[in-house]
Every structure is written in structure tokens, then in C-alpha cells.
Amino acid sequence: MTAELNLTADARIEFGFGTVKTDKQDWMYGVYFPYMAPTMAEHGLAILAGFGVIATNFAAGAPQTGSFASWPSAAHRAALHSDPRFLAVQPDRDAAMDLLSGGHLFQSMDDLIALNTDKDYAVIIAKHEADITDPIFVLPLAEDSPEQVFAGKSIILRPWSDADELLLGGAPTEALVFRVRFSPSAR
């Protein structure tokens, strides 16, 4: 199967990842997301593609899932995070997560990317993107990203290869690597 990643140049692409607690998955996917979906859409959030994390060298935990999402601007994301409807459920959302990393906004481009949901991909965050061959895209961190831990770095997407296996064994400070498989839905 395939999933499409529809990028637009005037947007901000958010890369987020985490782990939902096993006993909270029904609540997260059956209550939180259905409740918040209209509010998220009102603020311009579009989930572009969800993925499962197969392996990573992320030092602060082992995320299980993630997504690429699109915002019209960093200000739209900030508005959602100060919306009373979000603030009312944020403590429950945070308590449902073993790990959550978001707020990483990258510049975008105009492209429609077909992703094979039966193949693995590398999501790499690194400074030396010129050293990464055969990228599907290379997107630098946006200056207005609320999280700046990846300042001076770009996010790179490419089909998984043996070279990525080597990067996966390296220091995450040099290249943060996620081996992912995209799902046909945003979940």
C-alpha cells in the first residue's frame, strides 16, 4: 500500500514522536484524538503521515510511534497550545504518554511524496545533510520552531539502507536516526 505525504512550501512541518502507555491507548485514540480533532483542524493542524518506530538511537527512550504534521505557521501551533480546550485535556494527554517529543518545526517545500507502507524509511536529523545520499527531502529546522534542540540541523527522509544501519549505531548528537514504517492512516 501507499500513503501520501503532501508538503506545501508555505507551511511548517512538525516532526513528533513518542510512546503511548499501553493501558491508555484506547483513551488516546478513542477519546483524545476524536475530541481534539476539530480544535486541531480549527488551528490548521493536518496530520500528514503517521509511522511506527522500528529502531532509533534516540538516547532518552524508545519511542513507538510518530508523525509528520503540517501547520500554516508556528503561531498557529502556539495558538492551539494556548486554546482552553487543549489546556483542559493536556494533563490527561501527558499522563497517557511514556515519552513525548514535539514542537520540532521544519521548513517545507512543494512536493507530493508517495510512501510505500510495506518498506522502511530513515528519518535522520543531522547537521551535515550533504553526507546523506539519496534523500527524498531535506528540510532545515525553522527559525520560529518552538523547540530549538535541532538548531542548525535538517530533517532528512530517505528509503532505509545499509548506510542508515551504520548511522543508527552512531552517536545521536551527530545523526539522530529513526527507522520507521509509515502506516496507511495517520495513526
N, C-alpha and C. Protein backbone atom coordinates (compact mmCIF):
# COMPACT_ATOMS: atom_id res chain seq x y z
N MET A 1 0.84 -1.18 0.00
CA MET A 1 0.00 0.00 0.00
C MET A 1 0.88 1.24 0.00
N THR A 2 0.24 2.35 -0.26
CA THR A 2 0.97 3.61 -0.23
C THR A 2 0.24 4.63 0.64
N ALA A 3 1.00 5.54 1.15
CA ALA A 3 0.50 6.71 1.85
C ALA A 3 1.13 7.91 1.15
N GLU A 4 0.43 9.02 1.16
CA GLU A 4 0.96 10.23 0.52
C GLU A 4 1.31 11.27 1.57
N LEU A 5 2.44 11.90 1.34
CA LEU A 5 2.91 13.00 2.17
C LEU A 5 2.83 14.24 1.30
N ASN A 6 1.85 15.10 1.56
CA ASN A 6 1.62 16.27 0.73
C ASN A 6 2.21 17.50 1.43
N LEU A 7 3.35 17.96 0.93
CA LEU A 7 4.04 19.10 1.52
C LEU A 7 3.72 20.37 0.73
N THR A 8 3.58 21.49 1.44
CA THR A 8 3.41 22.79 0.79
C THR A 8 4.46 23.75 1.32
N ALA A 9 5.00 24.55 0.43
CA ALA A 9 6.16 25.38 0.75
C ALA A 9 5.90 26.40 1.85
N ASP A 10 4.68 26.87 1.98
CA ASP A 10 4.41 27.93 2.95
C ASP A 10 4.04 27.40 4.34
N ALA A 11 4.21 26.12 4.57
CA ALA A 11 3.83 25.50 5.84
C ALA A 11 5.05 25.26 6.73
N ARG A 12 4.77 24.82 7.93
CA ARG A 12 5.78 24.31 8.84
C ARG A 12 5.47 22.83 9.07
N ILE A 13 6.49 22.00 8.97
CA ILE A 13 6.33 20.56 9.15
C ILE A 13 6.81 20.20 10.56
N GLU A 14 5.90 19.64 11.34
CA GLU A 14 6.25 19.22 12.70
C GLU A 14 6.59 17.73 12.69
N PHE A 15 7.73 17.42 13.28
CA PHE A 15 8.15 16.04 13.49
C PHE A 15 7.95 15.75 14.97
N GLY A 16 7.10 14.79 15.26
CA GLY A 16 6.85 14.42 16.65
C GLY A 16 6.92 12.91 16.81
N PHE A 17 7.27 12.47 18.01
CA PHE A 17 7.35 11.04 18.27
C PHE A 17 7.13 10.79 19.76
N GLY A 18 6.74 9.57 20.08
CA GLY A 18 6.51 9.25 21.47
C GLY A 18 6.05 7.83 21.67
N THR A 19 5.61 7.57 22.89
CA THR A 19 5.07 6.26 23.26
C THR A 19 3.85 6.48 24.13
N VAL A 20 2.73 5.94 23.69
CA VAL A 20 1.50 5.97 24.48
C VAL A 20 1.53 4.76 25.41
N LYS A 21 1.22 4.99 26.69
CA LYS A 21 1.16 3.88 27.64
C LYS A 21 0.14 2.86 27.16
N THR A 22 0.47 1.59 27.32
CA THR A 22 -0.39 0.51 26.83
C THR A 22 -1.82 0.63 27.36
N ASP A 23 -1.96 0.92 28.63
CA ASP A 23 -3.31 1.00 29.21
C ASP A 23 -4.03 2.30 28.88
N LYS A 24 -3.39 3.20 28.14
CA LYS A 24 -4.01 4.48 27.77
C LYS A 24 -4.26 4.59 26.26
N GLN A 25 -3.91 3.56 25.49
CA GLN A 25 -4.07 3.64 24.04
C GLN A 25 -5.53 3.82 23.63
N ASP A 26 -6.45 3.09 24.26
CA ASP A 26 -7.86 3.25 23.92
C ASP A 26 -8.32 4.68 24.18
N TRP A 27 -7.90 5.25 25.31
CA TRP A 27 -8.27 6.63 25.61
C TRP A 27 -7.67 7.59 24.59
N MET A 28 -6.38 7.41 24.29
CA MET A 28 -5.69 8.33 23.38
C MET A 28 -6.36 8.34 22.00
N TYR A 29 -6.56 7.14 21.44
CA TYR A 29 -7.07 7.06 20.08
C TYR A 29 -8.60 7.07 20.01
N GLY A 30 -9.27 6.73 21.11
CA GLY A 30 -10.72 6.69 21.10
C GLY A 30 -11.40 7.90 21.72
N VAL A 31 -10.66 8.66 22.55
CA VAL A 31 -11.24 9.82 23.22
C VAL A 31 -10.48 11.10 22.86
N TYR A 32 -9.19 11.13 23.17
CA TYR A 32 -8.41 12.36 22.98
C TYR A 32 -8.42 12.84 21.53
N PHE A 33 -7.98 12.00 20.61
CA PHE A 33 -7.90 12.45 19.22
C PHE A 33 -9.27 12.80 18.64
N PRO A 34 -10.33 11.99 18.85
CA PRO A 34 -11.64 12.41 18.34
C PRO A 34 -12.12 13.73 18.97
N TYR A 35 -11.87 13.92 20.27
CA TYR A 35 -12.27 15.15 20.93
C TYR A 35 -11.49 16.35 20.40
N MET A 36 -10.18 16.19 20.21
CA MET A 36 -9.33 17.30 19.82
C MET A 36 -9.28 17.55 18.31
N ALA A 37 -9.69 16.59 17.50
CA ALA A 37 -9.57 16.73 16.04
C ALA A 37 -10.19 18.02 15.51
N PRO A 38 -11.42 18.40 15.90
CA PRO A 38 -11.97 19.65 15.37
C PRO A 38 -11.17 20.88 15.81
N THR A 39 -10.68 20.87 17.05
CA THR A 39 -9.89 22.00 17.55
C THR A 39 -8.55 22.07 16.82
N MET A 40 -7.93 20.93 16.60
CA MET A 40 -6.67 20.89 15.86
C MET A 40 -6.87 21.42 14.44
N ALA A 41 -7.94 20.98 13.78
CA ALA A 41 -8.21 21.44 12.42
C ALA A 41 -8.50 22.94 12.40
N GLU A 42 -9.21 23.42 13.40
CA GLU A 42 -9.51 24.85 13.50
C GLU A 42 -8.22 25.68 13.55
N HIS A 43 -7.19 25.14 14.16
CA HIS A 43 -5.91 25.85 14.25
C HIS A 43 -4.97 25.52 13.09
N GLY A 44 -5.45 24.74 12.13
CA GLY A 44 -4.68 24.49 10.91
C GLY A 44 -3.80 23.26 10.93
N LEU A 45 -3.89 22.43 11.97
CA LEU A 45 -3.06 21.23 12.03
C LEU A 45 -3.60 20.17 11.08
N ALA A 46 -2.71 19.62 10.28
CA ALA A 46 -3.04 18.48 9.41
C ALA A 46 -2.00 17.40 9.66
N ILE A 47 -2.45 16.22 10.09
CA ILE A 47 -1.53 15.09 10.24
C ILE A 47 -1.27 14.55 8.84
N LEU A 48 -0.02 14.60 8.41
CA LEU A 48 0.33 14.18 7.05
C LEU A 48 0.58 12.69 6.95
N ALA A 49 1.31 12.13 7.89
CA ALA A 49 1.63 10.71 7.85
C ALA A 49 2.07 10.25 9.24
N GLY A 50 1.53 9.13 9.65
CA GLY A 50 1.94 8.51 10.90
C GLY A 50 2.85 7.34 10.62
N PHE A 51 3.65 6.98 11.61
CA PHE A 51 4.59 5.87 11.42
C PHE A 51 4.84 5.15 12.74
N GLY A 52 5.26 3.90 12.61
CA GLY A 52 5.76 3.15 13.74
C GLY A 52 7.27 3.23 13.74
N VAL A 53 7.86 3.32 14.92
CA VAL A 53 9.32 3.37 15.04
C VAL A 53 9.83 1.95 15.27
N ILE A 54 10.67 1.49 14.37
CA ILE A 54 11.23 0.14 14.44
C ILE A 54 12.52 0.14 15.26
N ALA A 55 13.33 1.18 15.07
CA ALA A 55 14.60 1.30 15.80
C ALA A 55 15.01 2.77 15.80
N THR A 56 15.80 3.15 16.79
CA THR A 56 16.31 4.52 16.86
C THR A 56 17.53 4.55 17.76
N ASN A 57 18.34 5.59 17.59
CA ASN A 57 19.44 5.83 18.51
C ASN A 57 19.12 7.00 19.44
N PHE A 58 17.85 7.36 19.54
CA PHE A 58 17.39 8.40 20.45
C PHE A 58 17.77 8.00 21.87
N ALA A 59 18.53 8.83 22.55
CA ALA A 59 19.11 8.46 23.83
C ALA A 59 18.14 8.52 25.01
N ALA A 60 17.05 9.25 24.87
CA ALA A 60 16.16 9.48 26.01
C ALA A 60 14.96 8.55 26.06
N GLY A 61 15.01 7.44 25.36
CA GLY A 61 13.90 6.50 25.41
C GLY A 61 13.71 5.80 24.08
N ALA A 62 12.70 4.96 24.04
CA ALA A 62 12.42 4.17 22.84
C ALA A 62 11.01 4.49 22.34
N PRO A 63 10.86 5.54 21.53
CA PRO A 63 9.53 5.87 21.02
C PRO A 63 8.98 4.75 20.15
N GLN A 64 7.65 4.61 20.17
CA GLN A 64 7.00 3.58 19.38
C GLN A 64 6.32 4.13 18.14
N THR A 65 5.87 5.38 18.20
CA THR A 65 5.13 5.97 17.09
C THR A 65 5.57 7.40 16.85
N GLY A 66 5.16 7.93 15.72
CA GLY A 66 5.44 9.32 15.41
C GLY A 66 4.62 9.77 14.22
N SER A 67 4.82 11.03 13.87
CA SER A 67 4.10 11.56 12.72
C SER A 67 4.81 12.78 12.16
N PHE A 68 4.48 13.05 10.91
CA PHE A 68 4.76 14.33 10.29
C PHE A 68 3.42 15.05 10.21
N ALA A 69 3.40 16.30 10.66
CA ALA A 69 2.19 17.10 10.62
C ALA A 69 2.51 18.44 9.98
N SER A 70 1.49 19.12 9.51
CA SER A 70 1.67 20.40 8.85
C SER A 70 0.89 21.48 9.59
N TRP A 71 1.54 22.61 9.77
CA TRP A 71 0.92 23.80 10.37
C TRP A 71 1.05 24.95 9.38
N PRO A 72 0.08 25.87 9.32
CA PRO A 72 0.26 27.05 8.48
C PRO A 72 1.43 27.92 8.95
N SER A 73 1.68 27.92 10.27
CA SER A 73 2.78 28.71 10.83
C SER A 73 3.03 28.25 12.26
N ALA A 74 4.14 28.68 12.81
CA ALA A 74 4.44 28.39 14.21
C ALA A 74 3.42 29.06 15.12
N ALA A 75 2.90 30.21 14.71
CA ALA A 75 1.90 30.92 15.51
C ALA A 75 0.61 30.10 15.63
N HIS A 76 0.24 29.38 14.58
CA HIS A 76 -0.94 28.52 14.65
C HIS A 76 -0.75 27.41 15.68
N ARG A 77 0.45 26.84 15.73
CA ARG A 77 0.73 25.80 16.72
C ARG A 77 0.66 26.38 18.13
N ALA A 78 1.23 27.56 18.31
CA ALA A 78 1.21 28.21 19.62
C ALA A 78 -0.23 28.51 20.05
N ALA A 79 -1.07 28.91 19.09
CA ALA A 79 -2.48 29.19 19.41
C ALA A 79 -3.20 27.93 19.88
N LEU A 80 -2.94 26.79 19.26
CA LEU A 80 -3.56 25.55 19.72
C LEU A 80 -3.12 25.24 21.15
N HIS A 81 -1.84 25.41 21.42
CA HIS A 81 -1.32 25.06 22.73
C HIS A 81 -1.72 26.03 23.84
N SER A 82 -2.36 27.14 23.47
CA SER A 82 -2.92 28.04 24.48
C SER A 82 -4.45 28.04 24.45
N ASP A 83 -5.04 27.22 23.59
CA ASP A 83 -6.50 27.10 23.49
C ASP A 83 -7.03 26.41 24.75
N PRO A 84 -8.06 26.96 25.39
CA PRO A 84 -8.60 26.36 26.61
C PRO A 84 -9.06 24.90 26.43
N ARG A 85 -9.52 24.55 25.24
CA ARG A 85 -9.95 23.16 25.00
C ARG A 85 -8.76 22.21 25.07
N PHE A 86 -7.62 22.65 24.53
CA PHE A 86 -6.41 21.83 24.62
C PHE A 86 -5.89 21.80 26.06
N LEU A 87 -5.84 22.96 26.69
CA LEU A 87 -5.32 23.03 28.06
C LEU A 87 -6.13 22.16 29.02
N ALA A 88 -7.42 21.98 28.74
CA ALA A 88 -8.27 21.16 29.60
C ALA A 88 -7.89 19.68 29.55
N VAL A 89 -7.41 19.20 28.40
CA VAL A 89 -7.09 17.77 28.27
C VAL A 89 -5.58 17.50 28.27
N GLN A 90 -4.77 18.55 28.23
CA GLN A 90 -3.32 18.36 28.17
C GLN A 90 -2.78 17.52 29.33
N PRO A 91 -3.20 17.74 30.58
CA PRO A 91 -2.67 16.90 31.66
C PRO A 91 -2.96 15.41 31.46
N ASP A 92 -4.18 15.09 30.99
CA ASP A 92 -4.52 13.69 30.73
C ASP A 92 -3.72 13.15 29.56
N ARG A 93 -3.54 13.97 28.53
CA ARG A 93 -2.74 13.54 27.38
C ARG A 93 -1.31 13.24 27.81
N ASP A 94 -0.73 14.16 28.56
CA ASP A 94 0.65 13.98 29.01
C ASP A 94 0.79 12.75 29.92
N ALA A 95 -0.21 12.52 30.77
CA ALA A 95 -0.18 11.37 31.67
C ALA A 95 -0.33 10.05 30.91
N ALA A 96 -0.89 10.11 29.71
CA ALA A 96 -1.07 8.90 28.89
C ALA A 96 0.20 8.53 28.11
N MET A 97 1.21 9.38 28.18
CA MET A 97 2.43 9.18 27.40
C MET A 97 3.60 8.76 28.29
N ASP A 98 4.33 7.75 27.84
CA ASP A 98 5.61 7.41 28.47
C ASP A 98 6.71 8.33 27.95
N LEU A 99 6.54 8.78 26.71
CA LEU A 99 7.53 9.64 26.06
C LEU A 99 6.80 10.50 25.05
N LEU A 100 7.14 11.77 24.99
CA LEU A 100 6.54 12.68 24.00
C LEU A 100 7.58 13.72 23.63
N SER A 101 7.85 13.82 22.35
CA SER A 101 8.77 14.84 21.83
C SER A 101 8.10 15.49 20.63
N GLY A 102 7.84 16.78 20.73
CA GLY A 102 7.20 17.52 19.65
C GLY A 102 7.69 18.94 19.65
N GLY A 103 7.06 19.76 18.83
CA GLY A 103 7.46 21.16 18.73
C GLY A 103 8.66 21.39 17.85
N HIS A 104 9.05 20.36 17.10
CA HIS A 104 10.18 20.48 16.18
C HIS A 104 9.62 20.85 14.80
N LEU A 105 9.67 22.13 14.47
CA LEU A 105 9.09 22.62 13.21
C LEU A 105 10.19 22.85 12.19
N PHE A 106 9.97 22.29 11.02
CA PHE A 106 10.93 22.40 9.92
C PHE A 106 10.31 23.16 8.77
N GLN A 107 11.16 23.81 7.98
CA GLN A 107 10.69 24.45 6.77
C GLN A 107 10.12 23.38 5.85
N SER A 108 9.32 23.80 4.88
CA SER A 108 8.70 22.83 4.00
C SER A 108 9.06 23.12 2.55
N MET A 109 8.42 22.41 1.65
CA MET A 109 8.62 22.56 0.21
C MET A 109 7.35 22.07 -0.47
N ASP A 110 7.21 22.36 -1.75
CA ASP A 110 6.08 21.85 -2.52
C ASP A 110 6.44 20.49 -3.08
N ASP A 111 5.76 19.45 -2.61
CA ASP A 111 6.01 18.11 -3.14
C ASP A 111 4.91 17.18 -2.66
N LEU A 112 4.57 16.23 -3.50
CA LEU A 112 3.67 15.14 -3.13
C LEU A 112 4.50 13.87 -3.19
N ILE A 113 4.67 13.24 -2.04
CA ILE A 113 5.58 12.10 -1.91
C ILE A 113 4.75 10.84 -1.64
N ALA A 114 4.94 9.84 -2.47
CA ALA A 114 4.29 8.54 -2.26
C ALA A 114 5.20 7.68 -1.40
N LEU A 115 4.67 7.19 -0.31
CA LEU A 115 5.42 6.36 0.63
C LEU A 115 4.88 4.94 0.58
N ASN A 116 5.76 3.98 0.45
CA ASN A 116 5.38 2.57 0.42
C ASN A 116 5.23 2.10 1.87
N THR A 117 4.03 1.74 2.26
CA THR A 117 3.79 1.34 3.65
C THR A 117 4.30 -0.07 3.96
N ASP A 118 4.87 -0.73 2.97
CA ASP A 118 5.48 -2.05 3.17
C ASP A 118 7.00 -1.97 3.25
N LYS A 119 7.56 -0.77 3.18
CA LYS A 119 9.02 -0.57 3.21
C LYS A 119 9.40 0.30 4.39
N ASP A 120 10.65 0.18 4.82
CA ASP A 120 11.17 1.00 5.91
C ASP A 120 11.85 2.24 5.34
N TYR A 121 11.81 3.31 6.15
CA TYR A 121 12.43 4.59 5.78
C TYR A 121 13.32 5.04 6.92
N ALA A 122 14.28 5.88 6.58
CA ALA A 122 15.14 6.53 7.57
C ALA A 122 14.69 7.97 7.72
N VAL A 123 14.45 8.38 8.95
CA VAL A 123 14.26 9.78 9.29
C VAL A 123 15.52 10.15 10.06
N ILE A 124 16.27 11.10 9.51
CA ILE A 124 17.58 11.45 10.07
C ILE A 124 17.59 12.95 10.37
N ILE A 125 18.06 13.31 11.54
CA ILE A 125 18.25 14.72 11.88
C ILE A 125 19.74 14.92 12.08
N ALA A 126 20.33 15.76 11.21
CA ALA A 126 21.78 15.92 11.23
C ALA A 126 22.17 17.29 10.69
N LYS A 127 23.39 17.70 11.02
CA LYS A 127 23.96 18.95 10.52
C LYS A 127 24.51 18.80 9.12
N HIS A 128 25.10 17.70 8.85
CA HIS A 128 25.83 17.52 7.60
C HIS A 128 24.98 16.75 6.60
N GLU A 129 23.88 17.40 6.19
CA GLU A 129 22.95 16.71 5.29
C GLU A 129 23.58 16.38 3.94
N ALA A 130 24.66 17.06 3.57
CA ALA A 130 25.33 16.75 2.31
C ALA A 130 25.94 15.35 2.34
N ASP A 131 26.20 14.83 3.54
CA ASP A 131 26.76 13.48 3.67
C ASP A 131 25.70 12.39 3.52
N ILE A 132 24.43 12.77 3.52
CA ILE A 132 23.32 11.82 3.42
C ILE A 132 22.90 11.73 1.96
N THR A 133 23.09 10.58 1.36
CA THR A 133 22.80 10.42 -0.07
C THR A 133 21.35 9.99 -0.30
N ASP A 134 20.87 10.26 -1.50
CA ASP A 134 19.55 9.83 -1.97
C ASP A 134 18.39 10.25 -1.07
N PRO A 135 18.36 11.52 -0.65
CA PRO A 135 17.23 11.92 0.20
C PRO A 135 15.95 12.11 -0.62
N ILE A 136 14.83 11.82 0.00
CA ILE A 136 13.54 12.18 -0.57
C ILE A 136 13.31 13.66 -0.32
N PHE A 137 13.66 14.11 0.89
CA PHE A 137 13.66 15.54 1.19
C PHE A 137 14.69 15.84 2.26
N VAL A 138 15.11 17.12 2.27
CA VAL A 138 15.98 17.68 3.30
C VAL A 138 15.34 19.00 3.70
N LEU A 139 14.89 19.10 4.94
CA LEU A 139 14.18 20.30 5.41
C LEU A 139 14.89 20.85 6.64
N PRO A 140 15.38 22.10 6.57
CA PRO A 140 16.06 22.68 7.73
C PRO A 140 15.08 23.06 8.84
N LEU A 141 15.57 23.04 10.08
CA LEU A 141 14.75 23.47 11.20
C LEU A 141 14.36 24.93 10.98
N ALA A 142 13.11 25.24 11.22
CA ALA A 142 12.62 26.61 11.07
C ALA A 142 13.12 27.47 12.23
N GLU A 143 13.44 28.72 11.92
CA GLU A 143 13.91 29.63 12.96
C GLU A 143 12.85 29.88 14.02
N ASP A 144 11.57 29.78 13.63
CA ASP A 144 10.48 30.03 14.58
C ASP A 144 9.98 28.75 15.25
N SER A 145 10.74 27.67 15.14
CA SER A 145 10.36 26.42 15.81
C SER A 145 10.38 26.63 17.32
N PRO A 146 9.32 26.22 18.04
CA PRO A 146 9.33 26.40 19.49
C PRO A 146 10.43 25.60 20.18
N GLU A 147 10.77 24.45 19.63
CA GLU A 147 11.88 23.65 20.15
C GLU A 147 13.10 23.91 19.26
N GLN A 148 14.22 24.21 19.87
CA GLN A 148 15.44 24.54 19.11
C GLN A 148 16.57 23.55 19.36
N VAL A 149 16.26 22.38 19.92
CA VAL A 149 17.29 21.38 20.19
C VAL A 149 17.97 20.93 18.89
N PHE A 150 17.28 21.07 17.75
CA PHE A 150 17.86 20.68 16.46
C PHE A 150 18.32 21.90 15.66
N ALA A 151 18.59 23.01 16.32
CA ALA A 151 19.04 24.23 15.63
C ALA A 151 20.28 23.92 14.79
N GLY A 152 20.28 24.43 13.57
CA GLY A 152 21.40 24.21 12.66
C GLY A 152 21.38 22.86 11.97
N LYS A 153 20.32 22.08 12.21
CA LYS A 153 20.22 20.75 11.62
C LYS A 153 19.02 20.69 10.67
N SER A 154 19.00 19.65 9.88
CA SER A 154 17.89 19.40 8.96
C SER A 154 17.32 18.02 9.22
N ILE A 155 16.07 17.85 8.82
CA ILE A 155 15.45 16.53 8.86
C ILE A 155 15.49 15.96 7.45
N ILE A 156 15.89 14.73 7.36
CA ILE A 156 16.09 14.06 6.06
C ILE A 156 15.25 12.80 6.06
N LEU A 157 14.55 12.58 4.96
CA LEU A 157 13.80 11.34 4.77
C LEU A 157 14.36 10.63 3.56
N ARG A 158 14.60 9.34 3.71
CA ARG A 158 15.04 8.54 2.57
C ARG A 158 14.69 7.08 2.83
N PRO A 159 14.66 6.26 1.77
CA PRO A 159 14.43 4.83 1.97
C PRO A 159 15.54 4.24 2.84
N TRP A 160 15.19 3.30 3.72
CA TRP A 160 16.16 2.68 4.61
C TRP A 160 17.21 1.92 3.80
N SER A 161 18.47 2.05 4.22
CA SER A 161 19.57 1.37 3.52
C SER A 161 20.60 0.89 4.54
N ASP A 162 21.58 0.16 4.05
CA ASP A 162 22.68 -0.30 4.91
C ASP A 162 23.42 0.87 5.54
N ALA A 163 23.53 1.98 4.81
CA ALA A 163 24.20 3.17 5.35
C ALA A 163 23.48 3.69 6.59
N ASP A 164 22.16 3.56 6.61
CA ASP A 164 21.39 4.01 7.77
C ASP A 164 21.62 3.11 8.97
N GLU A 165 21.84 1.84 8.71
CA GLU A 165 22.15 0.90 9.79
C GLU A 165 23.44 1.34 10.49
N LEU A 166 24.42 1.81 9.72
CA LEU A 166 25.67 2.32 10.30
C LEU A 166 25.42 3.60 11.10
N LEU A 167 24.61 4.51 10.54
CA LEU A 167 24.28 5.74 11.26
C LEU A 167 23.55 5.44 12.56
N LEU A 168 22.68 4.44 12.53
CA LEU A 168 21.90 4.06 13.71
C LEU A 168 22.81 3.66 14.86
N GLY A 169 23.96 3.09 14.56
CA GLY A 169 24.92 2.69 15.58
C GLY A 169 25.78 3.83 16.08
N GLY A 170 25.67 4.99 15.47
CA GLY A 170 26.49 6.13 15.85
C GLY A 170 25.86 6.99 16.93
N ALA A 171 26.56 8.06 17.26
CA ALA A 171 26.11 8.98 18.30
C ALA A 171 24.92 9.80 17.82
N PRO A 172 23.84 9.88 18.61
CA PRO A 172 22.68 10.67 18.20
C PRO A 172 22.99 12.16 18.11
N THR A 173 24.06 12.62 18.74
CA THR A 173 24.44 14.02 18.62
C THR A 173 24.95 14.34 17.22
N GLU A 174 25.47 13.33 16.53
CA GLU A 174 25.95 13.51 15.15
C GLU A 174 24.81 13.32 14.15
N ALA A 175 24.05 12.25 14.32
CA ALA A 175 22.91 11.96 13.45
C ALA A 175 21.89 11.19 14.27
N LEU A 176 20.76 11.83 14.54
CA LEU A 176 19.66 11.17 15.21
C LEU A 176 18.90 10.39 14.14
N VAL A 177 18.76 9.09 14.33
CA VAL A 177 18.22 8.22 13.29
C VAL A 177 17.00 7.46 13.81
N PHE A 178 15.97 7.43 12.99
CA PHE A 178 14.78 6.63 13.27
C PHE A 178 14.54 5.72 12.08
N ARG A 179 14.41 4.44 12.33
CA ARG A 179 13.96 3.51 11.29
C ARG A 179 12.45 3.40 11.46
N VAL A 180 11.70 3.81 10.44
CA VAL A 180 10.25 3.90 10.57
C VAL A 180 9.56 3.15 9.44
N ARG A 181 8.31 2.82 9.70
CA ARG A 181 7.43 2.28 8.66
C ARG A 181 6.13 3.09 8.74
N PHE A 182 5.80 3.71 7.62
CA PHE A 182 4.59 4.54 7.57
C PHE A 182 3.34 3.68 7.54
N SER A 183 2.29 4.19 8.16
CA SER A 183 1.02 3.48 8.17
C SER A 183 0.09 4.10 7.12
N PRO A 184 -0.87 3.32 6.64
CA PRO A 184 -1.81 3.87 5.65
C PRO A 184 -2.67 4.99 6.23
N SER A 185 -2.84 5.01 7.55
CA SER A 185 -3.61 6.07 8.20
C SER A 185 -2.65 6.92 9.02
N ALA A 186 -3.16 8.00 9.59
CA ALA A 186 -2.31 8.89 10.39
C ALA A 186 -1.94 8.28 11.74
N ARG A 187 -2.61 7.23 12.16
CA ARG A 187 -2.33 6.62 13.47
C ARG A 187 -1.06 5.82 13.46
